[in-house]
């Protein structure tokens, strides 16, 4: 979310139901737990996964496809 503007997350050609990965070998979690994880959009429009705190991040992926946003947003915008 960039201010009051909403942007959609896109998973490219990943099939519906493809597992979303933030870290290799991570256990499956509930949607409610997923909502508590920190994610932000980088300067290239890709979603970065921080886990539960700021620091190092990795690309959020659906299968092997990096998750992006559907329109330009400010780098650092939070995914909520």
N, C-alpha and C. Protein backbone atom coordinates (compact mmCIF):
# COMPACT_ATOMS: atom_id res chain seq x y z
N UNK A 1 0.85 -1.17 0.00
CA UNK A 1 0.00 0.00 0.00
C UNK A 1 0.89 1.23 0.00
N UNK A 2 0.61 2.13 -0.90
CA UNK A 2 1.38 3.36 -1.04
C UNK A 2 0.46 4.51 -0.65
N UNK A 3 0.54 4.92 0.62
CA UNK A 3 -0.38 5.94 1.10
C UNK A 3 -1.79 5.38 1.12
N UNK A 4 -2.70 6.02 0.41
CA UNK A 4 -4.08 5.54 0.33
C UNK A 4 -4.31 4.71 -0.92
N UNK A 5 -3.28 4.49 -1.73
CA UNK A 5 -3.42 3.75 -2.98
C UNK A 5 -3.19 2.25 -2.75
N UNK A 6 -4.05 1.45 -3.32
CA UNK A 6 -3.95 0.00 -3.21
C UNK A 6 -3.39 -0.55 -4.51
N UNK A 7 -2.52 -1.54 -4.41
CA UNK A 7 -1.95 -2.20 -5.56
C UNK A 7 -2.13 -3.70 -5.41
N UNK A 8 -2.35 -4.39 -6.52
CA UNK A 8 -2.51 -5.84 -6.48
C UNK A 8 -1.14 -6.52 -6.51
N UNK A 9 -1.05 -7.67 -5.87
CA UNK A 9 0.15 -8.50 -5.97
C UNK A 9 -0.05 -9.46 -7.14
N UNK A 10 0.98 -9.59 -7.96
CA UNK A 10 0.91 -10.45 -9.13
C UNK A 10 1.93 -11.57 -9.02
N UNK A 11 1.51 -12.76 -9.40
CA UNK A 11 2.40 -13.92 -9.34
C UNK A 11 2.71 -14.45 -10.74
N UNK A 12 2.72 -13.54 -11.72
CA UNK A 12 3.07 -13.94 -13.09
C UNK A 12 2.23 -15.08 -13.59
N UNK A 13 2.89 -16.11 -14.13
CA UNK A 13 2.18 -17.25 -14.70
C UNK A 13 2.04 -18.41 -13.72
N UNK A 14 2.29 -18.15 -12.44
CA UNK A 14 2.11 -19.21 -11.44
C UNK A 14 0.64 -19.62 -11.42
N UNK A 15 0.39 -20.92 -11.37
CA UNK A 15 -0.98 -21.43 -11.36
C UNK A 15 -1.67 -21.09 -10.04
N UNK A 16 -2.99 -20.88 -10.08
CA UNK A 16 -3.72 -20.66 -8.83
C UNK A 16 -3.44 -21.82 -7.87
N UNK A 17 -3.22 -21.47 -6.60
CA UNK A 17 -2.94 -22.48 -5.60
C UNK A 17 -1.46 -22.80 -5.44
N UNK A 18 -0.60 -22.15 -6.25
CA UNK A 18 0.84 -22.37 -6.12
C UNK A 18 1.30 -21.90 -4.75
N UNK A 19 2.16 -22.68 -4.13
CA UNK A 19 2.66 -22.35 -2.80
C UNK A 19 3.46 -21.05 -2.83
N UNK A 20 3.16 -20.15 -1.89
CA UNK A 20 3.89 -18.89 -1.77
C UNK A 20 5.04 -19.13 -0.80
N UNK A 21 6.25 -18.77 -1.24
CA UNK A 21 7.44 -19.04 -0.44
C UNK A 21 8.17 -17.77 -0.06
N UNK A 22 8.51 -17.66 1.20
CA UNK A 22 9.35 -16.57 1.66
C UNK A 22 10.70 -17.10 2.06
N UNK A 23 10.75 -18.35 2.47
CA UNK A 23 12.00 -18.98 2.89
C UNK A 23 11.93 -20.46 2.55
N UNK A 24 13.03 -21.00 2.08
CA UNK A 24 13.08 -22.41 1.73
C UNK A 24 12.84 -23.27 2.97
N UNK A 25 12.10 -24.33 2.81
CA UNK A 25 11.85 -25.30 3.87
C UNK A 25 11.07 -24.73 5.06
N UNK A 26 10.43 -23.59 4.90
CA UNK A 26 9.63 -23.02 5.98
C UNK A 26 8.33 -23.82 6.11
N UNK A 27 7.83 -23.99 7.32
CA UNK A 27 6.57 -24.73 7.48
C UNK A 27 5.39 -23.92 6.96
N UNK A 28 4.32 -24.61 6.60
CA UNK A 28 3.11 -23.93 6.17
C UNK A 28 2.50 -23.24 7.39
N UNK A 29 1.98 -22.01 7.16
CA UNK A 29 1.37 -21.25 8.25
C UNK A 29 -0.05 -20.85 7.86
N UNK A 30 -0.80 -20.40 8.84
CA UNK A 30 -2.17 -19.97 8.58
C UNK A 30 -2.16 -18.60 7.88
N UNK A 31 -3.29 -18.26 7.27
CA UNK A 31 -3.41 -16.96 6.61
C UNK A 31 -3.26 -15.84 7.64
N UNK A 32 -3.81 -16.04 8.83
CA UNK A 32 -3.70 -15.03 9.88
C UNK A 32 -2.24 -14.79 10.24
N UNK A 33 -1.45 -15.85 10.38
CA UNK A 33 -0.01 -15.69 10.66
C UNK A 33 0.69 -15.01 9.49
N UNK A 34 0.29 -15.36 8.26
CA UNK A 34 0.88 -14.75 7.06
C UNK A 34 0.68 -13.23 7.08
N UNK A 35 -0.48 -12.78 7.53
CA UNK A 35 -0.79 -11.35 7.58
C UNK A 35 0.12 -10.60 8.54
N UNK A 36 0.74 -11.29 9.49
CA UNK A 36 1.63 -10.65 10.46
C UNK A 36 3.07 -10.55 10.00
N UNK A 37 3.38 -11.13 8.85
CA UNK A 37 4.75 -11.09 8.34
C UNK A 37 5.01 -9.75 7.65
N UNK A 38 6.24 -9.29 7.70
CA UNK A 38 6.60 -8.01 7.10
C UNK A 38 7.07 -8.22 5.66
N UNK A 39 6.43 -7.45 4.76
CA UNK A 39 6.80 -7.47 3.34
C UNK A 39 6.74 -6.05 2.82
N UNK A 40 7.67 -5.71 1.94
CA UNK A 40 7.71 -4.38 1.33
C UNK A 40 8.03 -4.51 -0.15
N UNK A 41 7.69 -3.46 -0.89
CA UNK A 41 7.97 -3.41 -2.32
C UNK A 41 9.33 -2.73 -2.51
N UNK A 42 10.19 -3.32 -3.37
CA UNK A 42 11.50 -2.72 -3.63
C UNK A 42 11.42 -1.74 -4.80
N UNK A 43 12.55 -1.17 -5.18
CA UNK A 43 12.59 -0.15 -6.24
C UNK A 43 12.25 -0.71 -7.62
N UNK A 44 12.24 -2.04 -7.78
CA UNK A 44 11.90 -2.66 -9.06
C UNK A 44 10.46 -3.18 -9.09
N UNK A 45 9.70 -2.89 -8.02
CA UNK A 45 8.31 -3.33 -7.97
C UNK A 45 8.15 -4.77 -7.54
N UNK A 46 9.21 -5.38 -6.98
CA UNK A 46 9.14 -6.76 -6.50
C UNK A 46 8.91 -6.75 -5.00
N UNK A 47 8.17 -7.75 -4.52
CA UNK A 47 7.86 -7.85 -3.10
C UNK A 47 9.00 -8.56 -2.39
N UNK A 48 9.47 -7.95 -1.31
CA UNK A 48 10.56 -8.50 -0.49
C UNK A 48 9.97 -8.98 0.84
N UNK A 49 10.41 -10.16 1.28
CA UNK A 49 9.93 -10.79 2.50
C UNK A 49 10.96 -10.59 3.60
N UNK A 50 10.51 -10.01 4.73
CA UNK A 50 11.39 -9.75 5.87
C UNK A 50 11.11 -10.69 7.04
N UNK A 51 10.10 -11.52 6.96
CA UNK A 51 9.72 -12.36 8.09
C UNK A 51 8.97 -11.55 9.12
N UNK A 52 9.37 -11.66 10.38
CA UNK A 52 8.65 -10.96 11.44
C UNK A 52 9.35 -9.69 11.88
N UNK A 53 10.51 -9.37 11.30
CA UNK A 53 11.22 -8.15 11.70
C UNK A 53 12.01 -7.58 10.52
N UNK A 54 12.41 -6.32 10.64
CA UNK A 54 13.21 -5.66 9.61
C UNK A 54 14.61 -6.26 9.60
N UNK A 55 15.31 -6.09 8.53
CA UNK A 55 16.67 -6.62 8.39
C UNK A 55 16.83 -7.19 7.00
N UNK A 56 17.53 -8.30 6.90
CA UNK A 56 17.73 -8.95 5.61
C UNK A 56 16.39 -9.40 5.04
N UNK A 57 16.29 -9.39 3.72
CA UNK A 57 15.06 -9.81 3.07
C UNK A 57 15.39 -10.72 1.90
N UNK A 58 14.37 -11.46 1.46
CA UNK A 58 14.48 -12.30 0.27
C UNK A 58 13.25 -12.04 -0.59
N UNK A 59 13.32 -12.35 -1.89
CA UNK A 59 12.14 -12.15 -2.74
C UNK A 59 11.01 -13.08 -2.32
N UNK A 60 9.79 -12.56 -2.32
CA UNK A 60 8.61 -13.40 -2.10
C UNK A 60 8.32 -14.07 -3.43
N UNK A 61 8.10 -15.38 -3.42
CA UNK A 61 7.88 -16.13 -4.66
C UNK A 61 6.64 -16.99 -4.57
N UNK A 62 5.99 -17.16 -5.71
CA UNK A 62 4.92 -18.15 -5.88
C UNK A 62 5.54 -19.21 -6.77
N UNK A 63 5.93 -20.33 -6.16
CA UNK A 63 6.72 -21.32 -6.90
C UNK A 63 8.08 -20.71 -7.21
N UNK A 64 8.44 -20.62 -8.47
CA UNK A 64 9.70 -20.01 -8.88
C UNK A 64 9.53 -18.58 -9.38
N UNK A 65 8.29 -18.07 -9.36
CA UNK A 65 7.97 -16.74 -9.89
C UNK A 65 8.01 -15.69 -8.79
N UNK A 66 8.80 -14.63 -8.99
CA UNK A 66 8.84 -13.54 -8.01
C UNK A 66 7.53 -12.76 -8.05
N UNK A 67 7.00 -12.44 -6.88
CA UNK A 67 5.76 -11.69 -6.76
C UNK A 67 6.05 -10.20 -6.97
N UNK A 68 5.24 -9.54 -7.79
CA UNK A 68 5.40 -8.12 -8.10
C UNK A 68 4.08 -7.40 -7.83
N UNK A 69 4.09 -6.08 -8.04
CA UNK A 69 2.86 -5.28 -7.91
C UNK A 69 2.38 -4.87 -9.29
N UNK A 70 1.09 -4.55 -9.39
CA UNK A 70 0.48 -4.29 -10.70
C UNK A 70 0.68 -2.87 -11.23
N UNK A 71 1.28 -2.00 -10.43
CA UNK A 71 1.50 -0.62 -10.89
C UNK A 71 2.68 -0.06 -10.11
N UNK A 72 3.28 1.01 -10.57
CA UNK A 72 4.40 1.59 -9.82
C UNK A 72 3.94 2.10 -8.46
N UNK A 73 4.71 1.76 -7.43
CA UNK A 73 4.49 2.27 -6.09
C UNK A 73 5.83 2.73 -5.54
N UNK A 74 5.77 3.52 -4.49
CA UNK A 74 6.99 4.02 -3.84
C UNK A 74 7.78 2.85 -3.25
N UNK A 75 9.08 2.81 -3.49
CA UNK A 75 9.93 1.79 -2.88
C UNK A 75 9.81 1.89 -1.38
N UNK A 76 9.67 0.76 -0.71
CA UNK A 76 9.49 0.73 0.73
C UNK A 76 8.04 0.65 1.16
N UNK A 77 7.11 0.72 0.19
CA UNK A 77 5.70 0.60 0.53
C UNK A 77 5.45 -0.76 1.17
N UNK A 78 4.68 -0.78 2.24
CA UNK A 78 4.38 -2.02 2.94
C UNK A 78 3.30 -2.81 2.24
N UNK A 79 3.44 -4.12 2.27
CA UNK A 79 2.41 -5.03 1.78
C UNK A 79 1.57 -5.41 3.00
N UNK A 80 0.30 -5.04 2.97
CA UNK A 80 -0.57 -5.32 4.11
C UNK A 80 -1.77 -6.14 3.68
